[in-house]
Amino acid sequence: MRSWSHSRTLTEDEETLAKIGDAAALAIEKVRGKKYRSGVFSYILYMSSGTSIDYFYGEHGIISFTPELGTSFVMPANEIIPIGKESFEALKVFGKFLIDPATKLPKKKIK
């Protein structure tokens, strides 16, 4: 999930943030078929003030995301490694963008 969480207004970088988030969700899906949603925090969950993604993006211009992994806050032990593998693939997407913001990301839109 990406900013904004306190508002339903899209950021000026929504297009770029959507590409990164969609590419990360697609990378997760490729591991074992689990589908994750990529989107604006306030649309996916609810409006919330004081989040770190809004602070870092709004105050410092730092691209930030909030991952919600798995299906609950307490996951069975047999899900730890698979979710870790999925998360690692998503982190690689973020890393590629950090190294080179011109990185070509997959164009498949995640719904």
PDB file of N, CA and C in Angstrom:
ATOM      1  N   MET A   1       0.850  -1.172   0.000  1.00  0.00           N
ATOM      2  CA  MET A   1       0.000   0.000   0.000  1.00  0.00           C
ATOM      3  C   MET A   1       0.894   1.233   0.000  1.00  0.00           C
ATOM      4  N   ARG A   2       0.378   2.286  -0.600  1.00  0.00           N
ATOM      5  CA  ARG A   2       1.152   3.514  -0.746  1.00  0.00           C
ATOM      6  C   ARG A   2       0.311   4.713  -0.303  1.00  0.00           C
ATOM      7  N   SER A   3       0.963   5.858  -0.195  1.00  0.00           N
ATOM      8  CA  SER A   3       0.279   7.085   0.221  1.00  0.00           C
ATOM      9  C   SER A   3      -0.763   7.500  -0.809  1.00  0.00           C
ATOM     10  N   TRP A   4      -1.711   8.148  -0.312  1.00  0.00           N
ATOM     11  CA  TRP A   4      -1.917   8.679   1.022  1.00  0.00           C
ATOM     12  C   TRP A   4      -2.798   7.746   1.845  1.00  0.00           C
ATOM     13  N   SER A   5      -2.552   7.756   3.153  1.00  0.00           N
ATOM     14  CA  SER A   5      -3.435   6.999   4.039  1.00  0.00           C
ATOM     15  C   SER A   5      -4.433   7.934   4.716  1.00  0.00           C
ATOM     16  N   HIS A   6      -4.077   9.211   4.853  1.00  0.00           N
ATOM     17  CA  HIS A   6      -4.949  10.170   5.541  1.00  0.00           C
ATOM     18  C   HIS A   6      -5.954  10.851   4.612  1.00  0.00           C
ATOM     19  N   SER A   7      -5.875  10.558   3.311  1.00  0.00           N
ATOM     20  CA  SER A   7      -6.694  11.269   2.337  1.00  0.00           C
ATOM     21  C   SER A   7      -6.989  10.361   1.147  1.00  0.00           C
ATOM     22  N   ARG A   8      -8.058  10.662   0.458  1.00  0.00           N
ATOM     23  CA  ARG A   8      -8.379   9.922  -0.768  1.00  0.00           C
ATOM     24  C   ARG A   8      -7.820  10.644  -1.998  1.00  0.00           C
ATOM     25  N   THR A   9      -7.019  11.663  -1.780  1.00  0.00           N
ATOM     26  CA  THR A   9      -6.356  12.374  -2.865  1.00  0.00           C
ATOM     27  C   THR A   9      -5.124  11.576  -3.289  1.00  0.00           C
ATOM     28  N   LEU A  10      -4.917  11.433  -4.585  1.00  0.00           N
ATOM     29  CA  LEU A  10      -3.743  10.711  -5.061  1.00  0.00           C
ATOM     30  C   LEU A  10      -2.513  11.604  -5.004  1.00  0.00           C
ATOM     31  N   THR A  11      -1.346  11.001  -4.771  1.00  0.00           N
ATOM     32  CA  THR A  11      -0.105  11.761  -4.752  1.00  0.00           C
ATOM     33  C   THR A  11       0.274  12.159  -6.178  1.00  0.00           C
ATOM     34  N   GLU A  12       1.164  13.123  -6.285  1.00  0.00           N
ATOM     35  CA  GLU A  12       1.628  13.536  -7.616  1.00  0.00           C
ATOM     36  C   GLU A  12       2.472  12.453  -8.275  1.00  0.00           C
ATOM     37  N   ASP A  13       2.940  11.485  -7.499  1.00  0.00           N
ATOM     38  CA  ASP A  13       3.752  10.388  -8.019  1.00  0.00           C
ATOM     39  C   ASP A  13       2.962   9.090  -8.149  1.00  0.00           C
ATOM     40  N   GLU A  14       1.639   9.174  -8.164  1.00  0.00           N
ATOM     41  CA  GLU A  14       0.804   7.970  -8.181  1.00  0.00           C
ATOM     42  C   GLU A  14       1.162   7.025  -9.318  1.00  0.00           C
ATOM     43  N   GLU A  15       1.411   7.537 -10.493  1.00  0.00           N
ATOM     44  CA  GLU A  15       1.719   6.663 -11.626  1.00  0.00           C
ATOM     45  C   GLU A  15       2.971   5.817 -11.354  1.00  0.00           C
ATOM     46  N   THR A  16       4.010   6.450 -10.854  1.00  0.00           N
ATOM     47  CA  THR A  16       5.252   5.736 -10.538  1.00  0.00           C
ATOM     48  C   THR A  16       5.047   4.776  -9.380  1.00  0.00           C
ATOM     49  N   LEU A  17       4.379   5.241  -8.325  1.00  0.00           N
ATOM     50  CA  LEU A  17       4.134   4.385  -7.162  1.00  0.00           C
ATOM     51  C   LEU A  17       3.288   3.175  -7.534  1.00  0.00           C
ATOM     52  N   ALA A  18       2.303   3.375  -8.413  1.00  0.00           N
ATOM     53  CA  ALA A  18       1.464   2.263  -8.863  1.00  0.00           C
ATOM     54  C   ALA A  18       2.290   1.236  -9.632  1.00  0.00           C
ATOM     55  N   LYS A  19       3.192   1.705 -10.484  1.00  0.00           N
ATOM     56  CA  LYS A  19       4.036   0.777 -11.241  1.00  0.00           C
ATOM     57  C   LYS A  19       4.907  -0.064 -10.310  1.00  0.00           C
ATOM     58  N   ILE A  20       5.483   0.571  -9.307  1.00  0.00           N
ATOM     59  CA  ILE A  20       6.341  -0.149  -8.364  1.00  0.00           C
ATOM     60  C   ILE A  20       5.512  -1.139  -7.554  1.00  0.00           C
ATOM     61  N   GLY A  21       4.403  -0.674  -7.003  1.00  0.00           N
ATOM     62  CA  GLY A  21       3.546  -1.547  -6.196  1.00  0.00           C
ATOM     63  C   GLY A  21       2.977  -2.702  -6.997  1.00  0.00           C
ATOM     64  N   ASP A  22       2.529  -2.425  -8.219  1.00  0.00           N
ATOM     65  CA  ASP A  22       1.988  -3.490  -9.073  1.00  0.00           C
ATOM     66  C   ASP A  22       3.058  -4.515  -9.425  1.00  0.00           C
ATOM     67  N   ALA A  23       4.276  -4.038  -9.693  1.00  0.00           N
ATOM     68  CA  ALA A  23       5.374  -4.951 -10.023  1.00  0.00           C
ATOM     69  C   ALA A  23       5.730  -5.820  -8.816  1.00  0.00           C
ATOM     70  N   ALA A  24       5.704  -5.244  -7.613  1.00  0.00           N
ATOM     71  CA  ALA A  24       5.990  -6.015  -6.398  1.00  0.00           C
ATOM     72  C   ALA A  24       4.914  -7.071  -6.172  1.00  0.00           C
ATOM     73  N   ALA A  25       3.648  -6.697  -6.358  1.00  0.00           N
ATOM     74  CA  ALA A  25       2.548  -7.664  -6.193  1.00  0.00           C
ATOM     75  C   ALA A  25       2.652  -8.790  -7.222  1.00  0.00           C
ATOM     76  N   LEU A  26       3.030  -8.447  -8.439  1.00  0.00           N
ATOM     77  CA  LEU A  26       3.192  -9.456  -9.488  1.00  0.00           C
ATOM     78  C   LEU A  26       4.351 -10.411  -9.155  1.00  0.00           C
ATOM     79  N   ALA A  27       5.429  -9.866  -8.598  1.00  0.00           N
ATOM     80  CA  ALA A  27       6.573 -10.692  -8.203  1.00  0.00           C
ATOM     81  C   ALA A  27       6.160 -11.694  -7.121  1.00  0.00           C
ATOM     82  N   ILE A  28       5.326 -11.253  -6.189  1.00  0.00           N
ATOM     83  CA  ILE A  28       4.824 -12.152  -5.141  1.00  0.00           C
ATOM     84  C   ILE A  28       3.981 -13.251  -5.766  1.00  0.00           C
ATOM     85  N   GLU A  29       3.107 -12.869  -6.678  1.00  0.00           N
ATOM     86  CA  GLU A  29       2.209 -13.843  -7.313  1.00  0.00           C
ATOM     87  C   GLU A  29       2.978 -14.931  -8.052  1.00  0.00           C
ATOM     88  N   LYS A  30       4.098 -14.584  -8.637  1.00  0.00           N
ATOM     89  CA  LYS A  30       4.886 -15.544  -9.413  1.00  0.00           C
ATOM     90  C   LYS A  30       5.505 -16.641  -8.545  1.00  0.00           C
ATOM     91  N   VAL A  31       5.640 -16.399  -7.245  1.00  0.00           N
ATOM     92  CA  VAL A  31       6.267 -17.393  -6.365  1.00  0.00           C
ATOM     93  C   VAL A  31       5.373 -18.622  -6.204  1.00  0.00           C
ATOM     94  N   ARG A  32       4.120 -18.415  -5.825  1.00  0.00           N
ATOM     95  CA  ARG A  32       3.228 -19.575  -5.634  1.00  0.00           C
ATOM     96  C   ARG A  32       1.761 -19.250  -5.899  1.00  0.00           C
ATOM     97  N   GLY A  33       1.548 -18.201  -6.692  1.00  0.00           N
ATOM     98  CA  GLY A  33       0.198 -17.892  -7.139  1.00  0.00           C
ATOM     99  C   GLY A  33      -0.649 -17.057  -6.205  1.00  0.00           C
ATOM    100  N   LYS A  34      -0.108 -16.640  -5.067  1.00  0.00           N
ATOM    101  CA  LYS A  34      -0.870 -15.808  -4.132  1.00  0.00           C
ATOM    102  C   LYS A  34      -1.010 -14.409  -4.707  1.00  0.00           C
ATOM    103  N   LYS A  35      -2.221 -13.892  -4.693  1.00  0.00           N
ATOM    104  CA  LYS A  35      -2.468 -12.565  -5.248  1.00  0.00           C
ATOM    105  C   LYS A  35      -2.530 -11.528  -4.129  1.00  0.00           C
ATOM    106  N   TYR A  36      -1.731 -10.490  -4.290  1.00  0.00           N
ATOM    107  CA  TYR A  36      -1.740  -9.371  -3.362  1.00  0.00           C
ATOM    108  C   TYR A  36      -2.264  -8.141  -4.094  1.00  0.00           C
ATOM    109  N   ARG A  37      -2.958  -7.285  -3.386  1.00  0.00           N
ATOM    110  CA  ARG A  37      -3.472  -6.057  -3.981  1.00  0.00           C
ATOM    111  C   ARG A  37      -2.447  -4.949  -3.821  1.00  0.00           C
ATOM    112  N   SER A  38      -2.314  -4.162  -4.849  1.00  0.00           N
ATOM    113  CA  SER A  38      -1.465  -2.978  -4.826  1.00  0.00           C
ATOM    114  C   SER A  38      -2.392  -1.780  -4.932  1.00  0.00           C
ATOM    115  N   GLY A  39      -2.226  -0.815  -4.044  1.00  0.00           N
ATOM    116  CA  GLY A  39      -3.083   0.350  -4.139  1.00  0.00           C
ATOM    117  C   GLY A  39      -2.808   1.375  -3.064  1.00  0.00           C
ATOM    118  N   VAL A  40      -3.610   2.421  -3.098  1.00  0.00           N
ATOM    119  CA  VAL A  40      -3.512   3.517  -2.141  1.00  0.00           C
ATOM    120  C   VAL A  40      -4.086   3.036  -0.798  1.00  0.00           C
ATOM    121  N   PHE A  41      -3.358   3.282   0.259  1.00  0.00           N
ATOM    122  CA  PHE A  41      -3.711   2.820   1.601  1.00  0.00           C
ATOM    123  C   PHE A  41      -5.166   3.142   1.942  1.00  0.00           C
ATOM    124  N   SER A  42      -5.581   4.392   1.743  1.00  0.00           N
ATOM    125  CA  SER A  42      -6.927   4.820   2.148  1.00  0.00           C
ATOM    126  C   SER A  42      -8.035   4.147   1.350  1.00  0.00           C
ATOM    127  N   TYR A  43      -7.713   3.602   0.193  1.00  0.00           N
ATOM    128  CA  TYR A  43      -8.700   2.874  -0.600  1.00  0.00           C
ATOM    129  C   TYR A  43      -8.715   1.381  -0.261  1.00  0.00           C
ATOM    130  N   ILE A  44      -7.548   0.818   0.019  1.00  0.00           N
ATOM    131  CA  ILE A  44      -7.476  -0.620   0.307  1.00  0.00           C
ATOM    132  C   ILE A  44      -7.985  -0.933   1.716  1.00  0.00           C
ATOM    133  N   LEU A  45      -7.570  -0.138   2.701  1.00  0.00           N
ATOM    134  CA  LEU A  45      -7.985  -0.397   4.080  1.00  0.00           C
ATOM    135  C   LEU A  45      -9.002   0.645   4.550  1.00  0.00           C
ATOM    136  N   TYR A  46      -8.495   1.757   5.008  1.00  0.00           N
ATOM    137  CA  TYR A  46      -9.320   2.823   5.577  1.00  0.00           C
ATOM    138  C   TYR A  46      -8.443   4.061   5.681  1.00  0.00           C
ATOM    139  N   MET A  47      -9.042   5.197   5.940  1.00  0.00           N
ATOM    140  CA  MET A  47      -8.244   6.402   6.130  1.00  0.00           C
ATOM    141  C   MET A  47      -7.624   6.361   7.525  1.00  0.00           C
ATOM    142  N   SER A  48      -6.368   6.782   7.608  1.00  0.00           N
ATOM    143  CA  SER A  48      -5.630   6.709   8.860  1.00  0.00           C
ATOM    144  C   SER A  48      -4.610   7.835   8.910  1.00  0.00           C
ATOM    145  N   SER A  49      -4.539   8.522  10.029  1.00  0.00           N
ATOM    146  CA  SER A  49      -3.560   9.605  10.153  1.00  0.00           C
ATOM    147  C   SER A  49      -2.325   9.121  10.904  1.00  0.00           C
ATOM    148  N   GLY A  50      -1.211   9.798  10.672  1.00  0.00           N
ATOM    149  CA  GLY A  50       0.012   9.504  11.404  1.00  0.00           C
ATOM    150  C   GLY A  50       0.779   8.291  10.929  1.00  0.00           C
ATOM    151  N   THR A  51       0.573   7.859   9.696  1.00  0.00           N
ATOM    152  CA  THR A  51       1.304   6.682   9.215  1.00  0.00           C
ATOM    153  C   THR A  51       2.710   7.076   8.763  1.00  0.00           C
ATOM    154  N   SER A  52       3.613   6.123   8.834  1.00  0.00           N
ATOM    155  CA  SER A  52       4.990   6.402   8.433  1.00  0.00           C
ATOM    156  C   SER A  52       5.090   6.654   6.927  1.00  0.00           C
ATOM    157  N   ILE A  53       4.285   5.980   6.108  1.00  0.00           N
ATOM    158  CA  ILE A  53       4.390   6.202   4.663  1.00  0.00           C
ATOM    159  C   ILE A  53       4.021   7.635   4.309  1.00  0.00           C
ATOM    160  N   ASP A  54       3.007   8.187   4.963  1.00  0.00           N
ATOM    161  CA  ASP A  54       2.628   9.577   4.694  1.00  0.00           C
ATOM    162  C   ASP A  54       3.688  10.549   5.208  1.00  0.00           C
ATOM    163  N   TYR A  55       4.247  10.258   6.370  1.00  0.00           N
ATOM    164  CA  TYR A  55       5.293  11.123   6.915  1.00  0.00           C
ATOM    165  C   TYR A  55       6.515  11.159   6.001  1.00  0.00           C
ATOM    166  N   PHE A  56       7.038   9.995   5.661  1.00  0.00           N
ATOM    167  CA  PHE A  56       8.248   9.963   4.845  1.00  0.00           C
ATOM    168  C   PHE A  56       8.023  10.543   3.455  1.00  0.00           C
ATOM    169  N   TYR A  57       6.878  10.239   2.859  1.00  0.00           N
ATOM    170  CA  TYR A  57       6.600  10.773   1.523  1.00  0.00           C
ATOM    171  C   TYR A  57       6.293  12.270   1.597  1.00  0.00           C
ATOM    172  N   GLY A  58       5.421  12.665   2.486  1.00  0.00           N
ATOM    173  CA  GLY A  58       4.984  14.060   2.553  1.00  0.00           C
ATOM    174  C   GLY A  58       6.035  15.020   3.066  1.00  0.00           C
ATOM    175  N   GLU A  59       6.793  14.609   4.061  1.00  0.00           N
ATOM    176  CA  GLU A  59       7.776  15.503   4.676  1.00  0.00           C
ATOM    177  C   GLU A  59       9.157  15.430   4.037  1.00  0.00           C
ATOM    178  N   HIS A  60       9.503  14.287   3.481  1.00  0.00           N
ATOM    179  CA  HIS A  60      10.860  14.093   2.974  1.00  0.00           C
ATOM    180  C   HIS A  60      10.934  13.661   1.513  1.00  0.00           C
ATOM    181  N   GLY A  61       9.784  13.435   0.877  1.00  0.00           N
ATOM    182  CA  GLY A  61       9.783  13.012  -0.523  1.00  0.00           C
ATOM    183  C   GLY A  61      10.329  11.609  -0.728  1.00  0.00           C
ATOM    184  N   ILE A  62      10.286  10.787   0.317  1.00  0.00           N
ATOM    185  CA  ILE A  62      10.811   9.425   0.248  1.00  0.00           C
ATOM    186  C   ILE A  62       9.662   8.477  -0.096  1.00  0.00           C
ATOM    187  N   ILE A  63       9.840   7.720  -1.152  1.00  0.00           N
ATOM    188  CA  ILE A  63       8.829   6.745  -1.548  1.00  0.00           C
ATOM    189  C   ILE A  63       8.738   5.672  -0.468  1.00  0.00           C
ATOM    190  N   SER A  64       7.531   5.437   0.014  1.00  0.00           N
ATOM    191  CA  SER A  64       7.323   4.472   1.087  1.00  0.00           C
ATOM    192  C   SER A  64       6.120   3.593   0.781  1.00  0.00           C
ATOM    193  N   PHE A  65       6.175   2.366   1.261  1.00  0.00           N
ATOM    194  CA  PHE A  65       5.083   1.416   1.096  1.00  0.00           C
ATOM    195  C   PHE A  65       4.817   0.728   2.432  1.00  0.00           C
ATOM    196  N   THR A  66       3.595   0.297   2.632  1.00  0.00           N
ATOM    197  CA  THR A  66       3.223  -0.507   3.795  1.00  0.00           C
ATOM    198  C   THR A  66       2.818  -1.882   3.287  1.00  0.00           C
ATOM    199  N   PRO A  67       3.619  -2.905   3.552  1.00  0.00           N
ATOM    200  CA  PRO A  67       3.232  -4.253   3.126  1.00  0.00           C
ATOM    201  C   PRO A  67       2.325  -4.904   4.162  1.00  0.00           C
ATOM    202  N   GLU A  68       1.354  -5.616   3.710  1.00  0.00           N
ATOM    203  CA  GLU A  68       0.505  -6.459   4.565  1.00  0.00           C
ATOM    204  C   GLU A  68       0.667  -7.860   3.999  1.00  0.00           C
ATOM    205  N   LEU A  69       1.381  -8.699   4.703  1.00  0.00           N
ATOM    206  CA  LEU A  69       1.730 -10.023   4.187  1.00  0.00           C
ATOM    207  C   LEU A  69       0.926 -11.118   4.870  1.00  0.00           C
ATOM    208  N   GLY A  70       0.635 -12.166   4.128  1.00  0.00           N
ATOM    209  CA  GLY A  70      -0.123 -13.271   4.686  1.00  0.00           C
ATOM    210  C   GLY A  70      -1.605 -12.962   4.725  1.00  0.00           C
ATOM    211  N   THR A  71      -2.337 -13.745   5.504  1.00  0.00           N
ATOM    212  CA  THR A  71      -3.783 -13.580   5.574  1.00  0.00           C
ATOM    213  C   THR A  71      -4.275 -13.171   6.954  1.00  0.00           C
ATOM    214  N   SER A  72      -3.375 -13.113   7.937  1.00  0.00           N
ATOM    215  CA  SER A  72      -3.748 -12.674   9.278  1.00  0.00           C
ATOM    216  C   SER A  72      -2.488 -12.220  10.015  1.00  0.00           C
ATOM    217  N   PHE A  73      -2.683 -11.671  11.206  1.00  0.00           N
ATOM    218  CA  PHE A  73      -1.537 -11.215  11.985  1.00  0.00           C
ATOM    219  C   PHE A  73      -0.776 -12.376  12.614  1.00  0.00           C
ATOM    220  N   VAL A  74      -1.425 -13.508  12.781  1.00  0.00           N
ATOM    221  CA  VAL A  74      -0.773 -14.695  13.322  1.00  0.00           C
ATOM    222  C   VAL A  74      -0.855 -15.778  12.251  1.00  0.00           C
ATOM    223  N   MET A  75       0.280 -16.090  11.670  1.00  0.00           N
ATOM    224  CA  MET A  75       0.322 -17.079  10.592  1.00  0.00           C
ATOM    225  C   MET A  75       0.834 -18.404  11.133  1.00  0.00           C
ATOM    226  N   PRO A  76       0.374 -19.514  10.567  1.00  0.00           N
ATOM    227  CA  PRO A  76       0.910 -20.813  10.983  1.00  0.00           C
ATOM    228  C   PRO A  76       2.392 -20.922  10.617  1.00  0.00           C
ATOM    229  N   ALA A  77       3.109 -21.700  11.371  1.00  0.00           N
ATOM    230  CA  ALA A  77       4.552 -21.835  11.170  1.00  0.00           C
ATOM    231  C   ALA A  77       4.908 -22.264   9.756  1.00  0.00           C
ATOM    232  N   ASN A  78       4.076 -23.084   9.121  1.00  0.00           N
ATOM    233  CA  ASN A  78       4.406 -23.562   7.777  1.00  0.00           C
ATOM    234  C   ASN A  78       4.263 -22.472   6.707  1.00  0.00           C
ATOM    235  N   GLU A  79       3.775 -21.295   7.072  1.00  0.00           N
ATOM    236  CA  GLU A  79       3.663 -20.184   6.129  1.00  0.00           C
ATOM    237  C   GLU A  79       4.833 -19.204   6.223  1.00  0.00           C
ATOM    238  N   ILE A  80       5.647 -19.325   7.239  1.00  0.00           N
ATOM    239  CA  ILE A  80       6.732 -18.358   7.461  1.00  0.00           C
ATOM    240  C   ILE A  80       7.715 -18.343   6.291  1.00  0.00           C
ATOM    241  N   ILE A  81       8.228 -19.465   5.906  1.00  0.00           N
ATOM    242  CA  ILE A  81       9.216 -19.516   4.816  1.00  0.00           C
ATOM    243  C   ILE A  81       8.585 -19.138   3.473  1.00  0.00           C
ATOM    244  N   PRO A  82       7.418 -19.679   3.105  1.00  0.00           N
ATOM    245  CA  PRO A  82       6.816 -19.258   1.834  1.00  0.00           C
ATOM    246  C   PRO A  82       6.537 -17.755   1.758  1.00  0.00           C
ATOM    247  N   ILE A  83       6.037 -17.167   2.846  1.00  0.00           N
ATOM    248  CA  ILE A  83       5.792 -15.723   2.842  1.00  0.00           C
ATOM    249  C   ILE A  83       7.107 -14.964   2.781  1.00  0.00           C
ATOM    250  N   GLY A  84       8.139 -15.487   3.423  1.00  0.00           N
ATOM    251  CA  GLY A  84       9.467 -14.872   3.332  1.00  0.00           C
ATOM    252  C   GLY A  84       9.991 -14.872   1.905  1.00  0.00           C
ATOM    253  N   LYS A  85       9.780 -15.978   1.193  1.00  0.00           N
ATOM    254  CA  LYS A  85      10.222 -16.054  -0.208  1.00  0.00           C
ATOM    255  C   LYS A  85       9.452 -15.067  -1.075  1.00  0.00           C
ATOM    256  N   GLU A  86       8.142 -14.965  -0.848  1.00  0.00           N
ATOM    257  CA  GLU A  86       7.336 -13.990  -1.601  1.00  0.00           C
ATOM    258  C   GLU A  86       7.806 -12.568  -1.317  1.00  0.00           C
ATOM    259  N   SER A  87       8.026 -12.277  -0.041  1.00  0.00           N
ATOM    260  CA  SER A  87       8.465 -10.934   0.362  1.00  0.00           C
ATOM    261  C   SER A  87       9.801 -10.576  -0.255  1.00  0.00           C
ATOM    262  N   PHE A  88      10.704 -11.546  -0.312  1.00  0.00           N
ATOM    263  CA  PHE A  88      12.022 -11.292  -0.886  1.00  0.00           C
ATOM    264  C   PHE A  88      11.914 -10.898  -2.359  1.00  0.00           C
ATOM    265  N   GLU A  89      11.023 -11.557  -3.091  1.00  0.00           N
ATOM    266  CA  GLU A  89      10.838 -11.200  -4.505  1.00  0.00           C
ATOM    267  C   GLU A  89      10.310  -9.773  -4.641  1.00  0.00           C
ATOM    268  N   ALA A  90       9.401  -9.379  -3.755  1.00  0.00           N
ATOM    269  CA  ALA A  90       8.899  -8.002  -3.778  1.00  0.00           C
ATOM    270  C   ALA A  90      10.011  -7.011  -3.427  1.00  0.00           C
ATOM    271  N   LEU A  91      10.824  -7.354  -2.441  1.00  0.00           N
ATOM    272  CA  LEU A  91      11.930  -6.473  -2.056  1.00  0.00           C
ATOM    273  C   LEU A  91      12.920  -6.282  -3.196  1.00  0.00           C
ATOM    274  N   LYS A  92      13.110  -7.304  -4.009  1.00  0.00           N
ATOM    275  CA  LYS A  92      14.004  -7.165  -5.160  1.00  0.00           C
ATOM    276  C   LYS A  92      13.468  -6.115  -6.137  1.00  0.00           C
ATOM    277  N   VAL A  93      12.150  -6.055  -6.298  1.00  0.00           N
ATOM    278  CA  VAL A  93      11.549  -5.025  -7.170  1.00  0.00           C
ATOM    279  C   VAL A  93      11.871  -3.640  -6.624  1.00  0.00           C
ATOM    280  N   PHE A  94      11.674  -3.445  -5.307  1.00  0.00           N
ATOM    281  CA  PHE A  94      11.983  -2.153  -4.701  1.00  0.00           C
ATOM    282  C   PHE A  94      13.468  -1.830  -4.856  1.00  0.00           C
ATOM    283  N   GLY A  95      14.323  -2.829  -4.662  1.00  0.00           N
ATOM    284  CA  GLY A  95      15.763  -2.620  -4.792  1.00  0.00           C
ATOM    285  C   GLY A  95      16.173  -2.212  -6.188  1.00  0.00           C
ATOM    286  N   LYS A  96      15.591  -2.864  -7.199  1.00  0.00           N
ATOM    287  CA  LYS A  96      15.910  -2.496  -8.584  1.00  0.00           C
ATOM    288  C   LYS A  96      15.542  -1.046  -8.855  1.00  0.00           C
ATOM    289  N   PHE A  97      14.395  -0.618  -8.337  1.00  0.00           N
ATOM    290  CA  PHE A  97      13.978   0.771  -8.546  1.00  0.00           C
ATOM    291  C   PHE A  97      14.908   1.741  -7.808  1.00  0.00           C
ATOM    292  N   LEU A  98      15.359   1.368  -6.604  1.00  0.00           N
ATOM    293  CA  LEU A  98      16.273   2.238  -5.859  1.00  0.00           C
ATOM    294  C   LEU A  98      17.607   2.400  -6.577  1.00  0.00           C
ATOM    295  N   ILE A  99      18.101   1.302  -7.130  1.00  0.00           N
ATOM    296  CA  ILE A  99      19.379   1.349  -7.843  1.00  0.00           C
ATOM    297  C   ILE A  99      19.259   2.158  -9.120  1.00  0.00           C
ATOM    298  N   ASP A 100      18.160   1.962  -9.834  1.00  0.00           N
ATOM    299  CA  ASP A 100      17.967   2.662 -11.101  1.00  0.00           C
ATOM    300  C   ASP A 100      16.494   3.009 -11.281  1.00  0.00           C
ATOM    301  N   PRO A 101      16.094   4.258 -10.948  1.00  0.00           N
ATOM    302  CA  PRO A 101      14.698   4.657 -11.072  1.00  0.00           C
ATOM    303  C   PRO A 101      14.134   4.516 -12.491  1.00  0.00           C
ATOM    304  N   ALA A 102      14.985   4.376 -13.478  1.00  0.00           N
ATOM    305  CA  ALA A 102      14.517   4.204 -14.860  1.00  0.00           C
ATOM    306  C   ALA A 102      14.256   2.733 -15.182  1.00  0.00           C
ATOM    307  N   THR A 103      14.369   1.858 -14.179  1.00  0.00           N
ATOM    308  CA  THR A 103      14.141   0.423 -14.376  1.00  0.00           C
ATOM    309  C   THR A 103      12.806   0.182 -15.048  1.00  0.00           C
ATOM    310  N   LYS A 104      12.809  -0.660 -16.050  1.00  0.00           N
ATOM    311  CA  LYS A 104      11.579  -1.040 -16.727  1.00  0.00           C
ATOM    312  C   LYS A 104      10.848  -2.048 -15.843  1.00  0.00           C
ATOM    313  N   LEU A 105       9.688  -1.676 -15.368  1.00  0.00           N
ATOM    314  CA  LEU A 105       8.903  -2.553 -14.520  1.00  0.00           C
ATOM    315  C   LEU A 105       7.820  -3.212 -15.356  1.00  0.00           C
ATOM    316  N   PRO A 106       7.364  -4.394 -14.944  1.00  0.00           N
ATOM    317  CA  PRO A 106       6.288  -5.055 -15.707  1.00  0.00           C
ATOM    318  C   PRO A 106       5.078  -4.135 -15.837  1.00  0.00           C
ATOM    319  N   LYS A 107       4.428  -4.205 -16.977  1.00  0.00           N
ATOM    320  CA  LYS A 107       3.296  -3.307 -17.239  1.00  0.00           C
ATOM    321  C   LYS A 107       1.950  -3.898 -16.862  1.00  0.00           C
ATOM    322  N   LYS A 108       1.933  -5.139 -16.395  1.00  0.00           N
ATOM    323  CA  LYS A 108       0.676  -5.769 -16.018  1.00  0.00           C
ATOM    324  C   LYS A 108       0.076  -5.043 -14.821  1.00  0.00           C
ATOM    325  N   LYS A 109      -1.149  -4.604 -14.954  1.00  0.00           N
ATOM    326  CA  LYS A 109      -1.829  -3.906 -13.873  1.00  0.00           C
ATOM    327  C   LYS A 109      -2.420  -4.935 -12.924  1.00  0.00           C
ATOM    328  N   ILE A 110      -2.181  -4.774 -11.625  1.00  0.00           N
ATOM    329  CA  ILE A 110      -2.731  -5.655 -10.620  1.00  0.00           C
ATOM    330  C   ILE A 110      -4.081  -5.086 -10.182  1.00  0.00           C
ATOM    331  N   LYS A 111      -5.083  -5.945 -10.081  1.00  0.00           N
ATOM    332  CA  LYS A 111      -6.408  -5.487  -9.646  1.00  0.00           C
ATOM    333  C   LYS A 111      -6.736  -6.043  -8.291  1.00  0.00           C
TER     334      LYS A 111
END
